[in-house]
Amino acid sequence: MERRKNFEPTGPVIGLLDEPDYEERSVTLDRGDLLVMYTDGVTEAINTSEEMFSEQRLRAVIEESYALPAAEIVRAIHKAVESFCGDEPQFDDITIMVLKAE
């Protein structure tokens, strides 16, 4: 996965404000592009040493599973988070959505 497009936020975190003001943008995904959306419960999941899963680990899982179908990428991320956390209880929601342009 060589090419990366980074998107900047267009407003506050979803769910933070009752009436947020977001800027609307359109993005065209090219063949092979992958859009991964997730809640902070993914990157902030902690293990028994109180280390967070982190964006770095998430990127590594995405890069390793890039060739898989979108549903399998979701499963790979979820499995990696569960494995990382071990017996540490989940303290936040974990939501993952992957869109893959074919």
PDB file of N, CA and C in Angstrom:
ATOM      1  N   MET A   1       0.859  -1.166   0.000  1.00  0.00           N
ATOM      2  CA  MET A   1       0.000   0.000   0.000  1.00  0.00           C
ATOM      3  C   MET A   1       0.904   1.227   0.000  1.00  0.00           C
ATOM      4  N   GLU A   2       1.174   1.773  -1.137  1.00  0.00           N
ATOM      5  CA  GLU A   2       2.121   2.876  -1.251  1.00  0.00           C
ATOM      6  C   GLU A   2       1.479   4.245  -1.098  1.00  0.00           C
ATOM      7  N   ARG A   3       0.303   4.420  -1.652  1.00  0.00           N
ATOM      8  CA  ARG A   3      -0.303   5.744  -1.720  1.00  0.00           C
ATOM      9  C   ARG A   3      -1.270   5.934  -0.558  1.00  0.00           C
ATOM     10  N   ARG A   4      -1.197   7.094   0.088  1.00  0.00           N
ATOM     11  CA  ARG A   4      -2.086   7.396   1.201  1.00  0.00           C
ATOM     12  C   ARG A   4      -2.737   8.748   0.982  1.00  0.00           C
ATOM     13  N   LYS A   5      -4.032   8.791   1.176  1.00  0.00           N
ATOM     14  CA  LYS A   5      -4.751  10.052   1.182  1.00  0.00           C
ATOM     15  C   LYS A   5      -5.166  10.295   2.625  1.00  0.00           C
ATOM     16  N   ASN A   6      -4.868  11.441   3.135  1.00  0.00           N
ATOM     17  CA  ASN A   6      -5.251  11.765   4.499  1.00  0.00           C
ATOM     18  C   ASN A   6      -6.350  12.804   4.466  1.00  0.00           C
ATOM     19  N   PHE A   7      -7.358  12.591   5.265  1.00  0.00           N
ATOM     20  CA  PHE A   7      -8.484  13.507   5.331  1.00  0.00           C
ATOM     21  C   PHE A   7      -8.455  14.225   6.669  1.00  0.00           C
ATOM     22  N   GLU A   8      -8.608  15.518   6.625  1.00  0.00           N
ATOM     23  CA  GLU A   8      -8.666  16.314   7.842  1.00  0.00           C
ATOM     24  C   GLU A   8     -10.112  16.373   8.326  1.00  0.00           C
ATOM     25  N   PRO A   9     -10.316  16.462   9.622  1.00  0.00           N
ATOM     26  CA  PRO A   9     -11.686  16.567  10.155  1.00  0.00           C
ATOM     27  C   PRO A   9     -12.400  17.806   9.616  1.00  0.00           C
ATOM     28  N   THR A  10     -13.710  17.705   9.466  1.00  0.00           N
ATOM     29  CA  THR A  10     -14.499  18.843   9.008  1.00  0.00           C
ATOM     30  C   THR A  10     -15.381  19.396  10.126  1.00  0.00           C
ATOM     31  N   GLY A  11     -15.179  18.916  11.330  1.00  0.00           N
ATOM     32  CA  GLY A  11     -15.963  19.368  12.474  1.00  0.00           C
ATOM     33  C   GLY A  11     -15.547  18.591  13.708  1.00  0.00           C
ATOM     34  N   PRO A  12     -16.289  18.763  14.788  1.00  0.00           N
ATOM     35  CA  PRO A  12     -15.938  18.070  16.034  1.00  0.00           C
ATOM     36  C   PRO A  12     -16.207  16.567  15.924  1.00  0.00           C
ATOM     37  N   VAL A  13     -15.701  15.852  16.893  1.00  0.00           N
ATOM     38  CA  VAL A  13     -15.924  14.412  16.974  1.00  0.00           C
ATOM     39  C   VAL A  13     -17.428  14.143  16.950  1.00  0.00           C
ATOM     40  N   ILE A  14     -17.846  13.133  16.204  1.00  0.00           N
ATOM     41  CA  ILE A  14     -19.268  12.795  16.117  1.00  0.00           C
ATOM     42  C   ILE A  14     -19.784  12.416  17.497  1.00  0.00           C
ATOM     43  N   GLY A  15     -20.914  12.985  17.885  1.00  0.00           N
ATOM     44  CA  GLY A  15     -21.540  12.693  19.168  1.00  0.00           C
ATOM     45  C   GLY A  15     -21.115  13.613  20.285  1.00  0.00           C
ATOM     46  N   LEU A  16     -20.165  14.501  20.030  1.00  0.00           N
ATOM     47  CA  LEU A  16     -19.673  15.403  21.065  1.00  0.00           C
ATOM     48  C   LEU A  16     -20.667  16.533  21.343  1.00  0.00           C
ATOM     49  N   LEU A  17     -21.250  17.096  20.286  1.00  0.00           N
ATOM     50  CA  LEU A  17     -22.170  18.221  20.406  1.00  0.00           C
ATOM     51  C   LEU A  17     -23.552  17.834  19.903  1.00  0.00           C
ATOM     52  N   ASP A  18     -24.583  18.465  20.460  1.00  0.00           N
ATOM     53  CA  ASP A  18     -25.953  18.187  20.027  1.00  0.00           C
ATOM     54  C   ASP A  18     -26.225  18.694  18.607  1.00  0.00           C
ATOM     55  N   GLU A  19     -25.685  19.857  18.269  1.00  0.00           N
ATOM     56  CA  GLU A  19     -25.903  20.433  16.942  1.00  0.00           C
ATOM     57  C   GLU A  19     -24.564  20.855  16.327  1.00  0.00           C
ATOM     58  N   PRO A  20     -23.774  19.890  15.897  1.00  0.00           N
ATOM     59  CA  PRO A  20     -22.463  20.232  15.332  1.00  0.00           C
ATOM     60  C   PRO A  20     -22.581  20.875  13.959  1.00  0.00           C
ATOM     61  N   ASP A  21     -21.569  21.616  13.583  1.00  0.00           N
ATOM     62  CA  ASP A  21     -21.520  22.260  12.278  1.00  0.00           C
ATOM     63  C   ASP A  21     -20.393  21.606  11.484  1.00  0.00           C
ATOM     64  N   TYR A  22     -20.758  20.714  10.557  1.00  0.00           N
ATOM     65  CA  TYR A  22     -19.764  20.018   9.748  1.00  0.00           C
ATOM     66  C   TYR A  22     -19.725  20.598   8.351  1.00  0.00           C
ATOM     67  N   GLU A  23     -18.552  20.574   7.760  1.00  0.00           N
ATOM     68  CA  GLU A  23     -18.380  20.969   6.371  1.00  0.00           C
ATOM     69  C   GLU A  23     -18.563  19.718   5.518  1.00  0.00           C
ATOM     70  N   GLU A  24     -19.342  19.831   4.455  1.00  0.00           N
ATOM     71  CA  GLU A  24     -19.565  18.699   3.563  1.00  0.00           C
ATOM     72  C   GLU A  24     -18.524  18.693   2.457  1.00  0.00           C
ATOM     73  N   ARG A  25     -17.982  17.507   2.172  1.00  0.00           N
ATOM     74  CA  ARG A  25     -17.006  17.351   1.097  1.00  0.00           C
ATOM     75  C   ARG A  25     -17.326  16.086   0.320  1.00  0.00           C
ATOM     76  N   SER A  26     -16.936  16.064  -0.923  1.00  0.00           N
ATOM     77  CA  SER A  26     -17.054  14.863  -1.750  1.00  0.00           C
ATOM     78  C   SER A  26     -15.663  14.328  -2.023  1.00  0.00           C
ATOM     79  N   VAL A  27     -15.549  13.019  -2.009  1.00  0.00           N
ATOM     80  CA  VAL A  27     -14.266  12.367  -2.260  1.00  0.00           C
ATOM     81  C   VAL A  27     -14.512  11.238  -3.239  1.00  0.00           C
ATOM     82  N   THR A  28     -13.682  11.130  -4.231  1.00  0.00           N
ATOM     83  CA  THR A  28     -13.769  10.033  -5.176  1.00  0.00           C
ATOM     84  C   THR A  28     -12.725   8.990  -4.807  1.00  0.00           C
ATOM     85  N   LEU A  29     -13.186   7.776  -4.606  1.00  0.00           N
ATOM     86  CA  LEU A  29     -12.263   6.682  -4.323  1.00  0.00           C
ATOM     87  C   LEU A  29     -11.868   6.045  -5.642  1.00  0.00           C
ATOM     88  N   ASP A  30     -10.583   5.866  -5.833  1.00  0.00           N
ATOM     89  CA  ASP A  30     -10.070   5.202  -7.020  1.00  0.00           C
ATOM     90  C   ASP A  30     -10.000   3.701  -6.764  1.00  0.00           C
ATOM     91  N   ARG A  31      -9.965   2.937  -7.830  1.00  0.00           N
ATOM     92  CA  ARG A  31      -9.849   1.487  -7.703  1.00  0.00           C
ATOM     93  C   ARG A  31      -8.648   1.162  -6.808  1.00  0.00           C
ATOM     94  N   GLY A  32      -8.905   0.302  -5.841  1.00  0.00           N
ATOM     95  CA  GLY A  32      -7.856  -0.086  -4.909  1.00  0.00           C
ATOM     96  C   GLY A  32      -7.807   0.751  -3.646  1.00  0.00           C
ATOM     97  N   ASP A  33      -8.520   1.877  -3.615  1.00  0.00           N
ATOM     98  CA  ASP A  33      -8.540   2.704  -2.411  1.00  0.00           C
ATOM     99  C   ASP A  33      -9.312   1.996  -1.304  1.00  0.00           C
ATOM    100  N   LEU A  34      -8.917   2.283  -0.099  1.00  0.00           N
ATOM    101  CA  LEU A  34      -9.525   1.693   1.078  1.00  0.00           C
ATOM    102  C   LEU A  34      -9.850   2.812   2.045  1.00  0.00           C
ATOM    103  N   LEU A  35     -11.067   2.855   2.528  1.00  0.00           N
ATOM    104  CA  LEU A  35     -11.477   3.847   3.511  1.00  0.00           C
ATOM    105  C   LEU A  35     -11.835   3.093   4.786  1.00  0.00           C
ATOM    106  N   VAL A  36     -11.107   3.377   5.852  1.00  0.00           N
ATOM    107  CA  VAL A  36     -11.331   2.710   7.129  1.00  0.00           C
ATOM    108  C   VAL A  36     -11.817   3.746   8.125  1.00  0.00           C
ATOM    109  N   MET A  37     -13.000   3.505   8.679  1.00  0.00           N
ATOM    110  CA  MET A  37     -13.578   4.390   9.689  1.00  0.00           C
ATOM    111  C   MET A  37     -13.730   3.584  10.972  1.00  0.00           C
ATOM    112  N   TYR A  38     -13.422   4.216  12.092  1.00  0.00           N
ATOM    113  CA  TYR A  38     -13.435   3.480  13.355  1.00  0.00           C
ATOM    114  C   TYR A  38     -13.660   4.454  14.510  1.00  0.00           C
ATOM    115  N   THR A  39     -14.153   3.910  15.605  1.00  0.00           N
ATOM    116  CA  THR A  39     -14.306   4.716  16.812  1.00  0.00           C
ATOM    117  C   THR A  39     -13.013   4.679  17.617  1.00  0.00           C
ATOM    118  N   ASP A  40     -12.888   5.600  18.539  1.00  0.00           N
ATOM    119  CA  ASP A  40     -11.670   5.675  19.342  1.00  0.00           C
ATOM    120  C   ASP A  40     -11.468   4.453  20.229  1.00  0.00           C
ATOM    121  N   GLY A  41     -12.502   3.640  20.390  1.00  0.00           N
ATOM    122  CA  GLY A  41     -12.366   2.410  21.162  1.00  0.00           C
ATOM    123  C   GLY A  41     -11.400   1.432  20.528  1.00  0.00           C
ATOM    124  N   VAL A  42     -11.145   1.587  19.229  1.00  0.00           N
ATOM    125  CA  VAL A  42     -10.180   0.723  18.544  1.00  0.00           C
ATOM    126  C   VAL A  42      -8.761   1.129  18.937  1.00  0.00           C
ATOM    127  N   THR A  43      -8.400   2.358  18.686  1.00  0.00           N
ATOM    128  CA  THR A  43      -7.019   2.808  18.924  1.00  0.00           C
ATOM    129  C   THR A  43      -6.710   3.022  20.409  1.00  0.00           C
ATOM    130  N   GLU A  44      -7.748   3.241  21.220  1.00  0.00           N
ATOM    131  CA  GLU A  44      -7.523   3.464  22.646  1.00  0.00           C
ATOM    132  C   GLU A  44      -7.750   2.212  23.487  1.00  0.00           C
ATOM    133  N   ALA A  45      -7.997   1.073  22.846  1.00  0.00           N
ATOM    134  CA  ALA A  45      -8.113  -0.186  23.578  1.00  0.00           C
ATOM    135  C   ALA A  45      -6.788  -0.455  24.276  1.00  0.00           C
ATOM    136  N   ILE A  46      -6.851  -0.904  25.532  1.00  0.00           N
ATOM    137  CA  ILE A  46      -5.615  -1.101  26.294  1.00  0.00           C
ATOM    138  C   ILE A  46      -5.391  -2.577  26.630  1.00  0.00           C
ATOM    139  N   ASN A  47      -4.113  -2.894  26.818  1.00  0.00           N
ATOM    140  CA  ASN A  47      -3.760  -4.254  27.219  1.00  0.00           C
ATOM    141  C   ASN A  47      -3.486  -4.280  28.726  1.00  0.00           C
ATOM    142  N   THR A  48      -3.033  -5.408  29.228  1.00  0.00           N
ATOM    143  CA  THR A  48      -2.806  -5.534  30.675  1.00  0.00           C
ATOM    144  C   THR A  48      -1.667  -4.651  31.173  1.00  0.00           C
ATOM    145  N   SER A  49      -0.811  -4.163  30.269  1.00  0.00           N
ATOM    146  CA  SER A  49       0.257  -3.228  30.643  1.00  0.00           C
ATOM    147  C   SER A  49      -0.180  -1.776  30.501  1.00  0.00           C
ATOM    148  N   GLU A  50      -1.468  -1.578  30.221  1.00  0.00           N
ATOM    149  CA  GLU A  50      -2.078  -0.257  30.039  1.00  0.00           C
ATOM    150  C   GLU A  50      -1.503   0.499  28.851  1.00  0.00           C
ATOM    151  N   GLU A  51      -1.043  -0.237  27.824  1.00  0.00           N
ATOM    152  CA  GLU A  51      -0.616   0.368  26.559  1.00  0.00           C
ATOM    153  C   GLU A  51      -1.831   0.417  25.641  1.00  0.00           C
ATOM    154  N   MET A  52      -1.936   1.491  24.848  1.00  0.00           N
ATOM    155  CA  MET A  52      -3.037   1.591  23.892  1.00  0.00           C
ATOM    156  C   MET A  52      -2.690   0.862  22.598  1.00  0.00           C
ATOM    157  N   PHE A  53      -3.732   0.374  21.921  1.00  0.00           N
ATOM    158  CA  PHE A  53      -3.546  -0.304  20.649  1.00  0.00           C
ATOM    159  C   PHE A  53      -2.863   0.629  19.655  1.00  0.00           C
ATOM    160  N   SER A  54      -3.295   1.839  19.545  1.00  0.00           N
ATOM    161  CA  SER A  54      -2.675   2.940  18.787  1.00  0.00           C
ATOM    162  C   SER A  54      -2.987   2.922  17.290  1.00  0.00           C
ATOM    163  N   GLU A  55      -2.861   4.104  16.701  1.00  0.00           N
ATOM    164  CA  GLU A  55      -3.033   4.249  15.251  1.00  0.00           C
ATOM    165  C   GLU A  55      -1.928   3.513  14.504  1.00  0.00           C
ATOM    166  N   GLN A  56      -0.748   3.482  15.063  1.00  0.00           N
ATOM    167  CA  GLN A  56       0.376   2.791  14.421  1.00  0.00           C
ATOM    168  C   GLN A  56       0.065   1.297  14.262  1.00  0.00           C
ATOM    169  N   ARG A  57      -0.443   0.664  15.298  1.00  0.00           N
ATOM    170  CA  ARG A  57      -0.797  -0.754  15.201  1.00  0.00           C
ATOM    171  C   ARG A  57      -1.955  -0.955  14.226  1.00  0.00           C
ATOM    172  N   LEU A  58      -2.926  -0.045  14.272  1.00  0.00           N
ATOM    173  CA  LEU A  58      -4.057  -0.144  13.350  1.00  0.00           C
ATOM    174  C   LEU A  58      -3.573  -0.068  11.905  1.00  0.00           C
ATOM    175  N   ARG A  59      -2.715   0.880  11.595  1.00  0.00           N
ATOM    176  CA  ARG A  59      -2.166   1.006  10.232  1.00  0.00           C
ATOM    177  C   ARG A  59      -1.441  -0.263   9.813  1.00  0.00           C
ATOM    178  N   ALA A  60      -0.698  -0.869  10.745  1.00  0.00           N
ATOM    179  CA  ALA A  60       0.024  -2.095  10.425  1.00  0.00           C
ATOM    180  C   ALA A  60      -0.941  -3.221  10.056  1.00  0.00           C
ATOM    181  N   VAL A  61      -2.027  -3.344  10.792  1.00  0.00           N
ATOM    182  CA  VAL A  61      -3.018  -4.382  10.487  1.00  0.00           C
ATOM    183  C   VAL A  61      -3.663  -4.116   9.132  1.00  0.00           C
ATOM    184  N   ILE A  62      -3.981  -2.857   8.854  1.00  0.00           N
ATOM    185  CA  ILE A  62      -4.590  -2.499   7.568  1.00  0.00           C
ATOM    186  C   ILE A  62      -3.622  -2.828   6.432  1.00  0.00           C
ATOM    187  N   GLU A  63      -2.372  -2.476   6.586  1.00  0.00           N
ATOM    188  CA  GLU A  63      -1.388  -2.756   5.542  1.00  0.00           C
ATOM    189  C   GLU A  63      -1.213  -4.259   5.320  1.00  0.00           C
ATOM    190  N   GLU A  64      -1.231  -5.037   6.397  1.00  0.00           N
ATOM    191  CA  GLU A  64      -1.078  -6.488   6.293  1.00  0.00           C
ATOM    192  C   GLU A  64      -2.290  -7.155   5.637  1.00  0.00           C
ATOM    193  N   SER A  65      -3.468  -6.583   5.833  1.00  0.00           N
ATOM    194  CA  SER A  65      -4.697  -7.228   5.355  1.00  0.00           C
ATOM    195  C   SER A  65      -5.300  -6.530   4.137  1.00  0.00           C
ATOM    196  N   TYR A  66      -4.583  -5.573   3.557  1.00  0.00           N
ATOM    197  CA  TYR A  66      -5.091  -4.750   2.459  1.00  0.00           C
ATOM    198  C   TYR A  66      -5.673  -5.558   1.299  1.00  0.00           C
ATOM    199  N   ALA A  67      -5.092  -6.697   0.959  1.00  0.00           N
ATOM    200  CA  ALA A  67      -5.537  -7.486  -0.195  1.00  0.00           C
ATOM    201  C   ALA A  67      -6.828  -8.251   0.069  1.00  0.00           C
ATOM    202  N   LEU A  68      -7.249  -8.316   1.310  1.00  0.00           N
ATOM    203  CA  LEU A  68      -8.464  -9.050   1.665  1.00  0.00           C
ATOM    204  C   LEU A  68      -9.718  -8.255   1.313  1.00  0.00           C
ATOM    205  N   PRO A  69     -10.870  -8.930   1.220  1.00  0.00           N
ATOM    206  CA  PRO A  69     -12.137  -8.207   1.059  1.00  0.00           C
ATOM    207  C   PRO A  69     -12.412  -7.332   2.297  1.00  0.00           C
ATOM    208  N   ALA A  70     -13.232  -6.323   2.141  1.00  0.00           N
ATOM    209  CA  ALA A  70     -13.510  -5.363   3.216  1.00  0.00           C
ATOM    210  C   ALA A  70     -13.950  -6.043   4.507  1.00  0.00           C
ATOM    211  N   ALA A  71     -14.863  -7.005   4.423  1.00  0.00           N
ATOM    212  CA  ALA A  71     -15.356  -7.683   5.632  1.00  0.00           C
ATOM    213  C   ALA A  71     -14.233  -8.416   6.357  1.00  0.00           C
ATOM    214  N   GLU A  72     -13.299  -8.970   5.612  1.00  0.00           N
ATOM    215  CA  GLU A  72     -12.171  -9.673   6.223  1.00  0.00           C
ATOM    216  C   GLU A  72     -11.198  -8.700   6.873  1.00  0.00           C
ATOM    217  N   ILE A  73     -11.083  -7.512   6.316  1.00  0.00           N
ATOM    218  CA  ILE A  73     -10.226  -6.485   6.930  1.00  0.00           C
ATOM    219  C   ILE A  73     -10.816  -6.081   8.281  1.00  0.00           C
ATOM    220  N   VAL A  74     -12.138  -5.917   8.325  1.00  0.00           N
ATOM    221  CA  VAL A  74     -12.801  -5.603   9.601  1.00  0.00           C
ATOM    222  C   VAL A  74     -12.492  -6.699  10.619  1.00  0.00           C
ATOM    223  N   ARG A  75     -12.637  -7.955  10.210  1.00  0.00           N
ATOM    224  CA  ARG A  75     -12.361  -9.078  11.122  1.00  0.00           C
ATOM    225  C   ARG A  75     -10.895  -9.094  11.566  1.00  0.00           C
ATOM    226  N   ALA A  76      -9.977  -8.782  10.652  1.00  0.00           N
ATOM    227  CA  ALA A  76      -8.553  -8.760  11.003  1.00  0.00           C
ATOM    228  C   ALA A  76      -8.259  -7.684  12.046  1.00  0.00           C
ATOM    229  N   ILE A  77      -8.863  -6.513  11.875  1.00  0.00           N
ATOM    230  CA  ILE A  77      -8.668  -5.433  12.848  1.00  0.00           C
ATOM    231  C   ILE A  77      -9.226  -5.843  14.200  1.00  0.00           C
ATOM    232  N   HIS A  78     -10.457  -6.364  14.194  1.00  0.00           N
ATOM    233  CA  HIS A  78     -11.099  -6.759  15.449  1.00  0.00           C
ATOM    234  C   HIS A  78     -10.286  -7.839  16.157  1.00  0.00           C
ATOM    235  N   LYS A  79      -9.820  -8.822  15.408  1.00  0.00           N
ATOM    236  CA  LYS A  79      -9.017  -9.906  15.982  1.00  0.00           C
ATOM    237  C   LYS A  79      -7.711  -9.365  16.562  1.00  0.00           C
ATOM    238  N   ALA A  80      -7.069  -8.420  15.856  1.00  0.00           N
ATOM    239  CA  ALA A  80      -5.822  -7.833  16.347  1.00  0.00           C
ATOM    240  C   ALA A  80      -6.037  -7.070  17.643  1.00  0.00           C
ATOM    241  N   VAL A  81      -7.142  -6.334  17.734  1.00  0.00           N
ATOM    242  CA  VAL A  81      -7.449  -5.590  18.963  1.00  0.00           C
ATOM    243  C   VAL A  81      -7.700  -6.568  20.104  1.00  0.00           C
ATOM    244  N   GLU A  82      -8.513  -7.593  19.858  1.00  0.00           N
ATOM    245  CA  GLU A  82      -8.795  -8.583  20.903  1.00  0.00           C
ATOM    246  C   GLU A  82      -7.517  -9.279  21.370  1.00  0.00           C
ATOM    247  N   SER A  83      -6.680  -9.652  20.433  1.00  0.00           N
ATOM    248  CA  SER A  83      -5.425 -10.322  20.771  1.00  0.00           C
ATOM    249  C   SER A  83      -4.521  -9.403  21.580  1.00  0.00           C
ATOM    250  N   PHE A  84      -4.435  -8.141  21.186  1.00  0.00           N
ATOM    251  CA  PHE A  84      -3.614  -7.156  21.879  1.00  0.00           C
ATOM    252  C   PHE A  84      -4.091  -6.953  23.316  1.00  0.00           C
ATOM    253  N   CYS A  85      -5.405  -6.889  23.498  1.00  0.00           N
ATOM    254  CA  CYS A  85      -5.970  -6.601  24.818  1.00  0.00           C
ATOM    255  C   CYS A  85      -5.896  -7.791  25.772  1.00  0.00           C
ATOM    256  N   GLY A  86      -5.884  -8.994  25.226  1.00  0.00           N
ATOM    257  CA  GLY A  86      -5.836 -10.175  26.081  1.00  0.00           C
ATOM    258  C   GLY A  86      -7.028 -10.226  27.005  1.00  0.00           C
ATOM    259  N   ASP A  87      -6.772 -10.342  28.303  1.00  0.00           N
ATOM    260  CA  ASP A  87      -7.852 -10.460  29.301  1.00  0.00           C
ATOM    261  C   ASP A  87      -8.329  -9.112  29.823  1.00  0.00           C
ATOM    262  N   GLU A  88      -7.766  -8.025  29.315  1.00  0.00           N
ATOM    263  CA  GLU A  88      -8.172  -6.690  29.771  1.00  0.00           C
ATOM    264  C   GLU A  88      -9.603  -6.430  29.299  1.00  0.00           C
ATOM    265  N   PRO A  89     -10.514  -6.013  30.190  1.00  0.00           N
ATOM    266  CA  PRO A  89     -11.904  -5.782  29.775  1.00  0.00           C
ATOM    267  C   PRO A  89     -12.030  -4.594  28.818  1.00  0.00           C
ATOM    268  N   GLN A  90     -12.980  -4.697  27.907  1.00  0.00           N
ATOM    269  CA  GLN A  90     -13.261  -3.616  26.955  1.00  0.00           C
ATOM    270  C   GLN A  90     -13.956  -2.488  27.706  1.00  0.00           C
ATOM    271  N   PHE A  91     -13.459  -1.263  27.574  1.00  0.00           N
ATOM    272  CA  PHE A  91     -14.041  -0.137  28.295  1.00  0.00           C
ATOM    273  C   PHE A  91     -14.774   0.851  27.387  1.00  0.00           C
ATOM    274  N   ASP A  92     -14.672   0.656  26.081  1.00  0.00           N
ATOM    275  CA  ASP A  92     -15.303   1.585  25.143  1.00  0.00           C
ATOM    276  C   ASP A  92     -15.827   0.782  23.958  1.00  0.00           C
ATOM    277  N   ASP A  93     -16.726   1.396  23.197  1.00  0.00           N
ATOM    278  CA  ASP A  93     -17.242   0.692  22.025  1.00  0.00           C
ATOM    279  C   ASP A  93     -16.150   0.532  20.984  1.00  0.00           C
ATOM    280  N   ILE A  94     -16.267  -0.544  20.213  1.00  0.00           N
ATOM    281  CA  ILE A  94     -15.352  -0.779  19.103  1.00  0.00           C
ATOM    282  C   ILE A  94     -16.204  -0.921  17.845  1.00  0.00           C
ATOM    283  N   THR A  95     -16.141   0.089  17.004  1.00  0.00           N
ATOM    284  CA  THR A  95     -16.897   0.088  15.761  1.00  0.00           C
ATOM    285  C   THR A  95     -15.926   0.295  14.618  1.00  0.00           C
ATOM    286  N   ILE A  96     -16.050  -0.551  13.599  1.00  0.00           N
ATOM    287  CA  ILE A  96     -15.146  -0.495  12.446  1.00  0.00           C
ATOM    288  C   ILE A  96     -15.967  -0.614  11.176  1.00  0.00           C
ATOM    289  N   MET A  97     -15.714   0.264  10.204  1.00  0.00           N
ATOM    290  CA  MET A  97     -16.351   0.155   8.887  1.00  0.00           C
ATOM    291  C   MET A  97     -15.253   0.328   7.844  1.00  0.00           C
ATOM    292  N   VAL A  98     -15.256  -0.585   6.878  1.00  0.00           N
ATOM    293  CA  VAL A  98     -14.267  -0.542   5.814  1.00  0.00           C
ATOM    294  C   VAL A  98     -14.965  -0.499   4.462  1.00  0.00           C
ATOM    295  N   LEU A  99     -14.586   0.453   3.622  1.00  0.00           N
ATOM    296  CA  LEU A  99     -15.069   0.531   2.249  1.00  0.00           C
ATOM    297  C   LEU A  99     -13.874   0.323   1.349  1.00  0.00           C
ATOM    298  N   LYS A 100     -14.035  -0.563   0.369  1.00  0.00           N
ATOM    299  CA  LYS A 100     -12.933  -0.851  -0.546  1.00  0.00           C
ATOM    300  C   LYS A 100     -13.432  -0.656  -1.965  1.00  0.00           C
ATOM    301  N   ALA A 101     -12.762   0.217  -2.721  1.00  0.00           N
ATOM    302  CA  ALA A 101     -13.144   0.479  -4.104  1.00  0.00           C
ATOM    303  C   ALA A 101     -12.541  -0.608  -4.985  1.00  0.00           C
ATOM    304  N   GLU A 102     -13.404  -1.331  -5.651  1.00  0.00           N
ATOM    305  CA  GLU A 102     -12.959  -2.437  -6.519  1.00  0.00           C
ATOM    306  C   GLU A 102     -13.002  -2.018  -7.969  1.00  0.00           C
TER     307      GLU A 102
END
